[in-house]
Amino acid sequence: MAKISIPTPLRRFTDNERQLVTQGSTVQEAIQELADQYPDLKPHLLNDEGQLKPFIRIYIGDEDIKALQNEDTPVDDETIINLIPAIAGGQ
């Protein structure tokens, strides 16, 4: 039952929830469960094949999952998954 922290720009798709609990045992399962629960959020996280979009970074604590086991990184009751979407802007 990992927790997923929802960043402010994506909260409008999760009924303004800041953190959600998931039953997934890996990052991929947790993200898929989140996308299934909030279908309007899905296109912001996953591509048509169900893979994580490249501009979304996911951290477990201070570790990017790319330094761990990517989407196959196991999660448990103590895990907090942090979604970090790329934000473009500036001049």
Foldseek 3Di string as FASTA:
>chain_A
DEKEADDPVLCVQVVNDGIDDDPDFFQLRRVVVVCVVRVVCQVVAADPVSDGDPQKWKDWVPHTCVVPVHRRHTDDPPTYIYIDGDDDDDD
